[in-house]
PDB file of N, CA and C in Angstrom:
ATOM      1  N   MET A   1     119.275  16.459  21.246  1.00  0.00           N
ATOM      2  CA  MET A   1     119.889  17.178  22.428  1.00  0.00           C
ATOM      3  C   MET A   1     118.520  17.750  23.186  1.00  0.00           C
ATOM      4  N   ASN A   2     118.602  17.633  24.569  1.00  0.00           N
ATOM      5  CA  ASN A   2     117.550  18.112  25.186  1.00  0.00           C
ATOM      6  C   ASN A   2     117.659  19.626  25.492  1.00  0.00           C
ATOM      7  N   PRO A   3     116.592  20.310  25.493  1.00  0.00           N
ATOM      8  CA  PRO A   3     116.515  21.720  25.747  1.00  0.00           C
ATOM      9  C   PRO A   3     116.947  22.113  27.168  1.00  0.00           C
ATOM     10  N   LEU A   4     117.340  23.191  27.326  1.00  0.00           N
ATOM     11  CA  LEU A   4     117.910  23.680  28.647  1.00  0.00           C
ATOM     12  C   LEU A   4     116.576  23.909  29.548  1.00  0.00           C
ATOM     13  N   PRO A   5     116.652  23.515  30.778  1.00  0.00           N
ATOM     14  CA  PRO A   5     115.443  23.798  31.718  1.00  0.00           C
ATOM     15  C   PRO A   5     115.329  25.207  31.836  1.00  0.00           C
ATOM     16  N   THR A   6     114.109  25.608  32.135  1.00  0.00           N
ATOM     17  CA  THR A   6     113.930  26.859  32.302  1.00  0.00           C
ATOM     18  C   THR A   6     113.267  27.297  33.705  1.00  0.00           C
ATOM     19  N   LEU A   7     113.358  28.393  34.193  1.00  0.00           N
ATOM     20  CA  LEU A   7     112.947  28.867  35.393  1.00  0.00           C
ATOM     21  C   LEU A   7     112.011  29.887  35.346  1.00  0.00           C
ATOM     22  N   GLU A   8     110.827  29.648  35.839  1.00  0.00           N
ATOM     23  CA  GLU A   8     109.789  30.757  35.730  1.00  0.00           C
ATOM     24  C   GLU A   8     109.556  31.261  37.119  1.00  0.00           C
ATOM     25  N   VAL A   9     109.634  32.372  37.268  1.00  0.00           N
ATOM     26  CA  VAL A   9     109.243  33.092  38.574  1.00  0.00           C
ATOM     27  C   VAL A   9     108.208  33.956  38.399  1.00  0.00           C
ATOM     28  N   ARG A  10     107.222  33.669  39.204  1.00  0.00           N
ATOM     29  CA  ARG A  10     106.047  34.603  39.097  1.00  0.00           C
ATOM     30  C   ARG A  10     106.142  35.711  40.139  1.00  0.00           C
ATOM     31  N   ARG A  11     106.668  36.834  39.731  1.00  0.00           N
ATOM     32  CA  ARG A  11     106.926  37.991  40.787  1.00  0.00           C
ATOM     33  C   ARG A  11     105.557  38.556  41.366  1.00  0.00           C
ATOM     34  N   SER A  12     104.603  38.457  40.400  1.00  0.00           N
ATOM     35  CA  SER A  12     103.200  38.955  41.205  1.00  0.00           C
ATOM     36  C   SER A  12     102.750  38.155  42.210  1.00  0.00           C
ATOM     37  N   THR A  13     103.033  36.742  42.134  1.00  0.00           N
ATOM     38  CA  THR A  13     102.539  35.736  43.080  1.00  0.00           C
ATOM     39  C   THR A  13     103.474  35.843  44.407  1.00  0.00           C
ATOM     40  N   LEU A  14     104.671  36.179  44.203  1.00  0.00           N
ATOM     41  CA  LEU A  14     105.657  36.351  45.339  1.00  0.00           C
ATOM     42  C   LEU A  14     105.246  37.702  45.999  1.00  0.00           C
ATOM     43  N   LYS A  15     104.994  38.641  45.233  1.00  0.00           N
ATOM     44  CA  LYS A  15     104.543  40.113  45.976  1.00  0.00           C
ATOM     45  C   LYS A  15     103.247  39.852  46.604  1.00  0.00           C
ATOM     46  N   GLY A  16     102.351  39.322  45.860  1.00  0.00           N
ATOM     47  CA  GLY A  16     100.969  39.131  46.609  1.00  0.00           C
ATOM     48  C   GLY A  16     101.081  38.269  47.793  1.00  0.00           C
ATOM     49  N   ALA A  17     101.863  37.150  47.807  1.00  0.00           N
ATOM     50  CA  ALA A  17     102.029  36.268  48.941  1.00  0.00           C
ATOM     51  C   ALA A  17     102.629  37.146  50.123  1.00  0.00           C
ATOM     52  N   GLY A  18     103.764  37.877  49.793  1.00  0.00           N
ATOM     53  CA  GLY A  18     104.395  38.643  50.884  1.00  0.00           C
ATOM     54  C   GLY A  18     103.338  39.746  51.476  1.00  0.00           C
ATOM     55  N   ARG A  19     102.581  40.400  50.582  1.00  0.00           N
ATOM     56  CA  ARG A  19     101.668  41.280  51.053  1.00  0.00           C
ATOM     57  C   ARG A  19     100.619  40.733  52.031  1.00  0.00           C
ATOM     58  N   GLN A  20     100.080  39.490  51.627  1.00  0.00           N
ATOM     59  CA  GLN A  20      99.170  38.781  52.230  1.00  0.00           C
ATOM     60  C   GLN A  20      99.648  38.286  53.642  1.00  0.00           C
ATOM     61  N   ALA A  21     100.867  37.765  53.715  1.00  0.00           N
ATOM     62  CA  ALA A  21     101.497  37.359  55.038  1.00  0.00           C
ATOM     63  C   ALA A  21     101.683  38.541  55.945  1.00  0.00           C
ATOM     64  N   GLY A  22     102.094  39.728  55.420  1.00  0.00           N
ATOM     65  CA  GLY A  22     102.210  40.968  56.214  1.00  0.00           C
ATOM     66  C   GLY A  22     100.841  41.434  56.719  1.00  0.00           C
ATOM     67  N   GLU A  23      99.865  41.336  55.818  1.00  0.00           N
ATOM     68  CA  GLU A  23      98.563  41.769  56.373  1.00  0.00           C
ATOM     69  C   GLU A  23      98.019  40.781  57.457  1.00  0.00           C
ATOM     70  N   THR A  24      98.343  39.480  57.322  1.00  0.00           N
ATOM     71  CA  THR A  24      97.879  38.590  58.241  1.00  0.00           C
ATOM     72  C   THR A  24      98.612  38.756  59.600  1.00  0.00           C
ATOM     73  N   ALA A  25      99.903  39.021  59.537  1.00  0.00           N
ATOM     74  CA  ALA A  25     100.650  39.338  60.784  1.00  0.00           C
ATOM     75  C   ALA A  25     100.235  40.640  61.444  1.00  0.00           C
ATOM     76  N   THR A  26      99.793  41.592  60.642  1.00  0.00           N
ATOM     77  CA  THR A  26      99.249  42.814  61.234  1.00  0.00           C
ATOM     78  C   THR A  26      97.793  42.580  61.944  1.00  0.00           C
ATOM     79  N   HIS A  27      97.026  41.635  61.304  1.00  0.00           N
ATOM     80  CA  HIS A  27      95.840  41.348  61.824  1.00  0.00           C
ATOM     81  C   HIS A  27      95.959  40.516  63.090  1.00  0.00           C
ATOM     82  N   LEU A  28      96.946  39.561  63.055  1.00  0.00           N
ATOM     83  CA  LEU A  28      97.074  38.752  64.367  1.00  0.00           C
ATOM     84  C   LEU A  28      97.716  39.662  65.538  1.00  0.00           C
ATOM     85  N   ARG A  29      98.543  40.660  65.087  1.00  0.00           N
ATOM     86  CA  ARG A  29      99.002  41.508  66.128  1.00  0.00           C
ATOM     87  C   ARG A  29      98.022  42.275  66.814  1.00  0.00           C
ATOM     88  N   GLY A  30      96.977  42.760  65.863  1.00  0.00           N
ATOM     89  CA  GLY A  30      95.878  43.558  66.576  1.00  0.00           C
ATOM     90  C   GLY A  30      95.007  42.644  67.442  1.00  0.00           C
ATOM     91  N   ALA A  31      94.744  41.356  66.870  1.00  0.00           N
ATOM     92  CA  ALA A  31      93.950  40.429  67.705  1.00  0.00           C
ATOM     93  C   ALA A  31      94.650  40.193  69.047  1.00  0.00           C
ATOM     94  N   LEU A  32      95.854  39.978  68.984  1.00  0.00           N
ATOM     95  CA  LEU A  32      96.606  39.717  70.303  1.00  0.00           C
ATOM     96  C   LEU A  32      96.586  40.911  71.093  1.00  0.00           C
ATOM     97  N   ASP A  33      96.811  42.072  70.565  1.00  0.00           N
ATOM     98  CA  ASP A  33      96.639  43.476  71.388  1.00  0.00           C
ATOM     99  C   ASP A  33      95.305  43.343  72.203  1.00  0.00           C
ATOM    100  N   GLU A  34      94.333  43.166  71.415  1.00  0.00           N
ATOM    101  CA  GLU A  34      92.921  43.211  72.087  1.00  0.00           C
ATOM    102  C   GLU A  34      92.711  42.178  73.103  1.00  0.00           C
ATOM    103  N   LEU A  35      93.277  40.971  72.879  1.00  0.00           N
ATOM    104  CA  LEU A  35      93.352  39.903  73.882  1.00  0.00           C
ATOM    105  C   LEU A  35      94.066  40.310  75.196  1.00  0.00           C
ATOM    106  N   LEU A  36      95.290  40.773  74.950  1.00  0.00           N
ATOM    107  CA  LEU A  36      96.023  41.377  76.036  1.00  0.00           C
ATOM    108  C   LEU A  36      95.332  42.460  76.778  1.00  0.00           C
ATOM    109  N   ALA A  37      94.572  43.406  76.226  1.00  0.00           N
ATOM    110  CA  ALA A  37      93.998  44.476  76.755  1.00  0.00           C
ATOM    111  C   ALA A  37      92.812  43.909  77.679  1.00  0.00           C
ATOM    112  N   ALA A  38      91.956  42.812  77.028  1.00  0.00           N
ATOM    113  CA  ALA A  38      90.905  42.225  77.822  1.00  0.00           C
ATOM    114  C   ALA A  38      91.575  41.504  79.090  1.00  0.00           C
ATOM    115  N   ILE A  39      92.729  40.938  78.991  1.00  0.00           N
ATOM    116  CA  ILE A  39      93.243  40.043  80.197  1.00  0.00           C
ATOM    117  C   ILE A  39      93.662  41.208  81.090  1.00  0.00           C
ATOM    118  N   SER A  40      94.297  42.332  80.803  1.00  0.00           N
ATOM    119  CA  SER A  40      94.618  43.386  81.666  1.00  0.00           C
ATOM    120  C   SER A  40      93.424  44.008  82.308  1.00  0.00           C
ATOM    121  N   ALA A  41      92.307  44.233  81.604  1.00  0.00           N
ATOM    122  CA  ALA A  41      91.165  44.833  82.112  1.00  0.00           C
ATOM    123  C   ALA A  41      90.580  43.885  83.300  1.00  0.00           C
ATOM    124  N   ALA A  42      90.663  42.540  83.021  1.00  0.00           N
ATOM    125  CA  ALA A  42      90.212  41.654  84.069  1.00  0.00           C
ATOM    126  C   ALA A  42      90.890  41.827  85.413  1.00  0.00           C
ATOM    127  N   GLY A  43      92.128  42.282  85.408  1.00  0.00           N
ATOM    128  CA  GLY A  43      92.967  42.458  86.683  1.00  0.00           C
ATOM    129  C   GLY A  43      93.638  41.103  86.964  1.00  0.00           C
ATOM    130  N   PRO A  44      94.388  41.267  88.001  1.00  0.00           N
ATOM    131  CA  PRO A  44      95.143  40.141  88.546  1.00  0.00           C
ATOM    132  C   PRO A  44      94.276  39.107  89.182  1.00  0.00           C
ATOM    133  N   ILE A  45      94.798  37.765  89.181  1.00  0.00           N
ATOM    134  CA  ILE A  45      94.228  36.757  89.835  1.00  0.00           C
ATOM    135  C   ILE A  45      94.410  37.117  91.425  1.00  0.00           C
ATOM    136  N   PRO A  46      93.354  37.073  92.205  1.00  0.00           N
ATOM    137  CA  PRO A  46      93.460  37.393  93.659  1.00  0.00           C
ATOM    138  C   PRO A  46      94.342  36.158  94.323  1.00  0.00           C
ATOM    139  N   ARG A  47      95.291  36.569  95.170  1.00  0.00           N
ATOM    140  CA  ARG A  47      96.136  35.516  95.886  1.00  0.00           C
ATOM    141  C   ARG A  47      95.434  35.500  97.402  1.00  0.00           C
ATOM    142  N   ASN A  48      94.445  35.175  97.567  1.00  0.00           N
ATOM    143  CA  ASN A  48      93.791  35.118  99.002  1.00  0.00           C
ATOM    144  C   ASN A  48      94.133  34.073  99.794  1.00  0.00           C
ATOM    145  N   ASP A  49      94.604  32.794  99.104  1.00  0.00           N
ATOM    146  CA  ASP A  49      95.076  31.593  99.879  1.00  0.00           C
ATOM    147  C   ASP A  49      96.105  30.864  99.043  1.00  0.00           C
ATOM    148  N   ASP A  50      96.565  29.736  99.506  1.00  0.00           N
ATOM    149  CA  ASP A  50      97.669  29.094  98.971  1.00  0.00           C
ATOM    150  C   ASP A  50      97.155  28.538  97.441  1.00  0.00           C
ATOM    151  N   ILE A  51      95.902  28.228  97.331  1.00  0.00           N
ATOM    152  CA  ILE A  51      95.553  27.599  96.056  1.00  0.00           C
ATOM    153  C   ILE A  51      95.397  28.602  95.018  1.00  0.00           C
ATOM    154  N   SER A  52      94.750  29.833  95.439  1.00  0.00           N
ATOM    155  CA  SER A  52      94.733  30.906  94.352  1.00  0.00           C
ATOM    156  C   SER A  52      96.019  31.438  94.129  1.00  0.00           C
ATOM    157  N   ALA A  53      96.937  31.461  95.006  1.00  0.00           N
ATOM    158  CA  ALA A  53      98.426  31.951  94.658  1.00  0.00           C
ATOM    159  C   ALA A  53      99.060  30.967  93.694  1.00  0.00           C
ATOM    160  N   MET A  54      98.766  29.606  93.842  1.00  0.00           N
ATOM    161  CA  MET A  54      99.370  28.714  92.984  1.00  0.00           C
ATOM    162  C   MET A  54      98.693  28.701  91.517  1.00  0.00           C
ATOM    163  N   ILE A  55      97.475  28.986  91.532  1.00  0.00           N
ATOM    164  CA  ILE A  55      96.756  29.318  90.227  1.00  0.00           C
ATOM    165  C   ILE A  55      97.314  30.534  89.582  1.00  0.00           C
ATOM    166  N   ALA A  56      97.448  31.645  90.327  1.00  0.00           N
ATOM    167  CA  ALA A  56      98.049  32.695  89.875  1.00  0.00           C
ATOM    168  C   ALA A  56      99.529  32.660  89.239  1.00  0.00           C
ATOM    169  N   ALA A  57     100.321  31.922  89.968  1.00  0.00           N
ATOM    170  CA  ALA A  57     101.748  31.596  89.724  1.00  0.00           C
ATOM    171  C   ALA A  57     101.694  30.761  88.234  1.00  0.00           C
ATOM    172  N   ALA A  58     100.894  29.782  88.300  1.00  0.00           N
ATOM    173  CA  ALA A  58     100.870  28.929  86.963  1.00  0.00           C
ATOM    174  C   ALA A  58     100.225  29.730  85.794  1.00  0.00           C
ATOM    175  N   TYR A  59      99.305  30.609  86.117  1.00  0.00           N
ATOM    176  CA  TYR A  59      98.744  31.427  84.991  1.00  0.00           C
ATOM    177  C   TYR A  59      99.875  32.392  84.457  1.00  0.00           C
ATOM    178  N   ALA A  60     100.637  33.062  85.435  1.00  0.00           N
ATOM    179  CA  ALA A  60     101.706  33.792  84.911  1.00  0.00           C
ATOM    180  C   ALA A  60     102.727  33.253  84.045  1.00  0.00           C
ATOM    181  N   ALA A  61     103.087  31.880  84.481  1.00  0.00           N
ATOM    182  CA  ALA A  61     104.138  31.180  83.624  1.00  0.00           C
ATOM    183  C   ALA A  61     103.585  30.824  82.424  1.00  0.00           C
ATOM    184  N   ILE A  62     102.318  30.373  82.262  1.00  0.00           N
ATOM    185  CA  ILE A  62     101.662  29.895  80.973  1.00  0.00           C
ATOM    186  C   ILE A  62     101.490  31.191  80.212  1.00  0.00           C
ATOM    187  N   HIS A  63     100.961  32.207  80.660  1.00  0.00           N
ATOM    188  CA  HIS A  63     100.736  33.455  79.988  1.00  0.00           C
ATOM    189  C   HIS A  63     101.988  33.816  79.388  1.00  0.00           C
ATOM    190  N   GLU A  64     103.156  33.940  79.964  1.00  0.00           N
ATOM    191  CA  GLU A  64     104.308  34.536  79.560  1.00  0.00           C
ATOM    192  C   GLU A  64     104.902  33.535  78.411  1.00  0.00           C
ATOM    193  N   ILE A  65     104.810  32.291  78.597  1.00  0.00           N
ATOM    194  CA  ILE A  65     105.233  31.296  77.420  1.00  0.00           C
ATOM    195  C   ILE A  65     104.280  31.463  76.316  1.00  0.00           C
ATOM    196  N   GLY A  66     103.099  31.421  76.586  1.00  0.00           N
ATOM    197  CA  GLY A  66     102.044  31.643  75.396  1.00  0.00           C
ATOM    198  C   GLY A  66     102.104  32.833  74.559  1.00  0.00           C
ATOM    199  N   ILE A  67     102.169  33.860  75.316  1.00  0.00           N
ATOM    200  CA  ILE A  67     102.349  35.227  74.648  1.00  0.00           C
ATOM    201  C   ILE A  67     103.542  35.329  73.907  1.00  0.00           C
ATOM    202  N   GLY A  68     104.728  34.906  74.470  1.00  0.00           N
ATOM    203  CA  GLY A  68     106.049  34.947  73.730  1.00  0.00           C
ATOM    204  C   GLY A  68     105.954  34.114  72.622  1.00  0.00           C
ATOM    205  N   SER A  69     105.411  33.021  72.524  1.00  0.00           N
ATOM    206  CA  SER A  69     105.247  32.178  71.461  1.00  0.00           C
ATOM    207  C   SER A  69     104.364  32.787  70.306  1.00  0.00           C
ATOM    208  N   ILE A  70     103.289  33.354  70.573  1.00  0.00           N
ATOM    209  CA  ILE A  70     102.428  33.811  69.669  1.00  0.00           C
ATOM    210  C   ILE A  70     103.182  35.197  69.122  1.00  0.00           C
ATOM    211  N   GLU A  71     103.883  35.894  69.893  1.00  0.00           N
ATOM    212  CA  GLU A  71     104.460  37.164  69.378  1.00  0.00           C
ATOM    213  C   GLU A  71     105.631  36.757  68.440  1.00  0.00           C
ATOM    214  N   SER A  72     106.347  35.643  68.700  1.00  0.00           N
ATOM    215  CA  SER A  72     107.379  35.149  67.906  1.00  0.00           C
ATOM    216  C   SER A  72     106.844  34.763  66.576  1.00  0.00           C
ATOM    217  N   ALA A  73     105.825  34.123  66.646  1.00  0.00           N
ATOM    218  CA  ALA A  73     104.997  33.571  65.308  1.00  0.00           C
ATOM    219  C   ALA A  73     104.690  34.735  64.529  1.00  0.00           C
ATOM    220  N   VAL A  74     104.003  35.814  65.083  1.00  0.00           N
ATOM    221  CA  VAL A  74     103.608  36.989  64.321  1.00  0.00           C
ATOM    222  C   VAL A  74     104.772  37.692  63.723  1.00  0.00           C
ATOM    223  N   ALA A  75     105.863  37.700  64.492  1.00  0.00           N
ATOM    224  CA  ALA A  75     106.988  38.445  63.941  1.00  0.00           C
ATOM    225  C   ALA A  75     107.666  37.708  62.768  1.00  0.00           C
ATOM    226  N   GLY A  76     107.597  36.473  62.995  1.00  0.00           N
ATOM    227  CA  GLY A  76     108.123  35.511  61.834  1.00  0.00           C
ATOM    228  C   GLY A  76     107.276  35.689  60.596  1.00  0.00           C
ATOM    229  N   LEU A  77     106.149  35.558  60.930  1.00  0.00           N
ATOM    230  CA  LEU A  77     105.023  35.777  59.675  1.00  0.00           C
ATOM    231  C   LEU A  77     105.365  37.082  58.870  1.00  0.00           C
ATOM    232  N   GLY A  78     105.391  38.174  59.659  1.00  0.00           N
ATOM    233  CA  GLY A  78     105.544  39.484  59.011  1.00  0.00           C
ATOM    234  C   GLY A  78     106.968  39.489  58.269  1.00  0.00           C
ATOM    235  N   GLY A  79     107.974  38.908  58.882  1.00  0.00           N
ATOM    236  CA  GLY A  79     109.330  38.748  58.420  1.00  0.00           C
ATOM    237  C   GLY A  79     109.352  38.118  57.025  1.00  0.00           C
ATOM    238  N   HIS A  80     108.638  36.977  56.986  1.00  0.00           N
ATOM    239  CA  HIS A  80     108.559  36.156  55.867  1.00  0.00           C
ATOM    240  C   HIS A  80     107.789  36.963  54.750  1.00  0.00           C
ATOM    241  N   GLY A  81     106.848  37.669  55.080  1.00  0.00           N
ATOM    242  CA  GLY A  81     106.106  38.416  54.033  1.00  0.00           C
ATOM    243  C   GLY A  81     107.073  39.503  53.476  1.00  0.00           C
ATOM    244  N   GLU A  82     107.869  40.068  54.394  1.00  0.00           N
ATOM    245  CA  GLU A  82     108.748  41.185  53.756  1.00  0.00           C
ATOM    246  C   GLU A  82     109.789  40.446  52.820  1.00  0.00           C
ATOM    247  N   ARG A  83     110.376  39.366  53.411  1.00  0.00           N
ATOM    248  CA  ARG A  83     111.298  38.698  52.362  1.00  0.00           C
ATOM    249  C   ARG A  83     110.672  38.074  51.075  1.00  0.00           C
ATOM    250  N   LEU A  84     109.492  37.680  51.126  1.00  0.00           N
ATOM    251  CA  LEU A  84     108.847  37.328  49.857  1.00  0.00           C
ATOM    252  C   LEU A  84     108.809  38.524  48.868  1.00  0.00           C
ATOM    253  N   SER A  85     108.354  39.599  49.427  1.00  0.00           N
ATOM    254  CA  SER A  85     108.293  40.919  48.607  1.00  0.00           C
ATOM    255  C   SER A  85     109.558  41.418  48.050  1.00  0.00           C
ATOM    256  N   LEU A  86     110.513  41.176  49.019  1.00  0.00           N
ATOM    257  CA  LEU A  86     111.940  41.600  48.375  1.00  0.00           C
ATOM    258  C   LEU A  86     112.429  40.536  47.519  1.00  0.00           C
ATOM    259  N   MET A  87     112.068  39.247  47.549  1.00  0.00           N
ATOM    260  CA  MET A  87     112.481  38.543  46.634  1.00  0.00           C
ATOM    261  C   MET A  87     111.954  38.687  45.248  1.00  0.00           C
ATOM    262  N   ALA A  88     110.636  39.042  45.188  1.00  0.00           N
ATOM    263  CA  ALA A  88     109.980  39.576  43.975  1.00  0.00           C
ATOM    264  C   ALA A  88     110.760  40.749  43.246  1.00  0.00           C
ATOM    265  N   THR A  89     111.183  41.717  44.178  1.00  0.00           N
ATOM    266  CA  THR A  89     111.923  42.927  43.569  1.00  0.00           C
ATOM    267  C   THR A  89     113.165  42.511  43.005  1.00  0.00           C
ATOM    268  N   GLU A  90     114.038  41.563  43.717  1.00  0.00           N
ATOM    269  CA  GLU A  90     115.206  41.189  43.449  1.00  0.00           C
ATOM    270  C   GLU A  90     115.191  40.256  42.002  1.00  0.00           C
ATOM    271  N   TYR A  91     114.147  39.540  41.893  1.00  0.00           N
ATOM    272  CA  TYR A  91     114.080  38.696  40.621  1.00  0.00           C
ATOM    273  C   TYR A  91     113.815  39.664  39.499  1.00  0.00           C
ATOM    274  N   ALA A  92     113.014  40.774  39.726  1.00  0.00           N
ATOM    275  CA  ALA A  92     112.744  41.769  38.771  1.00  0.00           C
ATOM    276  C   ALA A  92     114.117  42.519  38.286  1.00  0.00           C
ATOM    277  N   ALA A  93     114.808  42.794  39.353  1.00  0.00           N
ATOM    278  CA  ALA A  93     116.050  43.534  39.014  1.00  0.00           C
ATOM    279  C   ALA A  93     117.084  42.509  38.410  1.00  0.00           C
ATOM    280  N   ALA A  94     117.085  41.203  38.640  1.00  0.00           N
ATOM    281  CA  ALA A  94     118.040  40.323  37.971  1.00  0.00           C
ATOM    282  C   ALA A  94     117.577  40.021  36.545  1.00  0.00           C
ATOM    283  N   GLU A  95     116.208  40.106  36.267  1.00  0.00           N
ATOM    284  CA  GLU A  95     115.767  39.914  34.892  1.00  0.00           C
ATOM    285  C   GLU A  95     116.165  41.168  34.107  1.00  0.00           C
ATOM    286  N   GLU A  96     116.050  42.301  34.592  1.00  0.00           N
ATOM    287  CA  GLU A  96     116.394  43.489  33.954  1.00  0.00           C
ATOM    288  C   GLU A  96     117.964  43.492  33.567  1.00  0.00           C
ATOM    289  N   ASP A  97     118.710  43.054  34.576  1.00  0.00           N
ATOM    290  CA  ASP A  97     120.139  42.986  34.402  1.00  0.00           C
ATOM    291  C   ASP A  97     120.472  42.010  33.162  1.00  0.00           C
ATOM    292  N   THR A  98     119.828  40.915  33.242  1.00  0.00           N
ATOM    293  CA  THR A  98     120.069  39.846  32.231  1.00  0.00           C
ATOM    294  C   THR A  98     119.660  40.285  30.907  1.00  0.00           C
ATOM    295  N   GLU A  99     118.443  40.869  30.737  1.00  0.00           N
ATOM    296  CA  GLU A  99     118.167  41.493  29.504  1.00  0.00           C
ATOM    297  C   GLU A  99     119.149  42.473  29.019  1.00  0.00           C
ATOM    298  N   GLN A 100     119.535  43.311  29.751  1.00  0.00           N
ATOM    299  CA  GLN A 100     120.576  44.325  29.307  1.00  0.00           C
ATOM    300  C   GLN A 100     121.898  43.649  28.898  1.00  0.00           C
ATOM    301  N   VAL A 101     122.330  42.552  29.643  1.00  0.00           N
ATOM    302  CA  VAL A 101     123.477  41.835  29.136  1.00  0.00           C
ATOM    303  C   VAL A 101     123.322  41.219  27.915  1.00  0.00           C
ATOM    304  N   LEU A 102     122.193  40.607  27.684  1.00  0.00           N
ATOM    305  CA  LEU A 102     121.867  39.819  26.368  1.00  0.00           C
ATOM    306  C   LEU A 102     121.795  40.970  25.320  1.00  0.00           C
ATOM    307  N   GLU A 103     121.320  42.101  25.570  1.00  0.00           N
ATOM    308  CA  GLU A 103     121.174  43.111  24.506  1.00  0.00           C
ATOM    309  C   GLU A 103     122.595  43.540  24.004  1.00  0.00           C
ATOM    310  N   ASN A 104     123.488  43.703  25.137  1.00  0.00           N
ATOM    311  CA  ASN A 104     124.853  44.062  24.879  1.00  0.00           C
ATOM    312  C   ASN A 104     125.478  43.013  24.075  1.00  0.00           C
ATOM    313  N   VAL A 105     125.333  41.763  24.432  1.00  0.00           N
ATOM    314  CA  VAL A 105     126.127  40.616  23.729  1.00  0.00           C
ATOM    315  C   VAL A 105     125.512  40.590  22.229  1.00  0.00           C
ATOM    316  N   ASP A 106     124.175  40.731  22.121  1.00  0.00           N
ATOM    317  CA  ASP A 106     123.542  40.863  20.777  1.00  0.00           C
ATOM    318  C   ASP A 106     124.131  41.941  19.890  1.00  0.00           C
ATOM    319  N   ARG A 107     124.414  43.129  20.380  1.00  0.00           N
ATOM    320  CA  ARG A 107     124.854  44.192  19.715  1.00  0.00           C
ATOM    321  C   ARG A 107     126.324  43.872  19.328  1.00  0.00           C
ATOM    322  N   ALA A 108     127.102  43.223  20.286  1.00  0.00           N
ATOM    323  CA  ALA A 108     128.526  42.944  20.090  1.00  0.00           C
ATOM    324  C   ALA A 108     128.611  41.959  18.828  1.00  0.00           C
ATOM    325  N   TRP A 109     127.737  41.106  18.736  1.00  0.00           N
ATOM    326  CA  TRP A 109     127.670  40.047  17.715  1.00  0.00           C
ATOM    327  C   TRP A 109     127.209  40.509  16.448  1.00  0.00           C
ATOM    328  N   ALA A 110     126.535  41.599  16.399  1.00  0.00           N
ATOM    329  CA  ALA A 110     125.858  42.206  15.180  1.00  0.00           C
ATOM    330  C   ALA A 110     126.717  42.880  14.301  1.00  0.00           C
TER     331      ALA A 110
END
């Protein structure tokens, strides 16, 4: 007879990965804020003629799409970090519950 498969959950690894993902998201958010401040400090693109007006319009569209994409990725990374940390906590609670149930079964059979 084959032994039952086991499941090993490394809660400290999950918790550490969650923390690191959160720290990375925070770092990226800070870098993005610095970039946006530098862009803002540079001021708007002058629209002195048709060409510069087209360049400014293209820049605005690219800027909006790019920043939105980066902000979405940063939020997602932070969210994944939170969920990994929560997963570690939930596995710990499940293990404690299982141990309690097994102790109760053990006492009932004794």
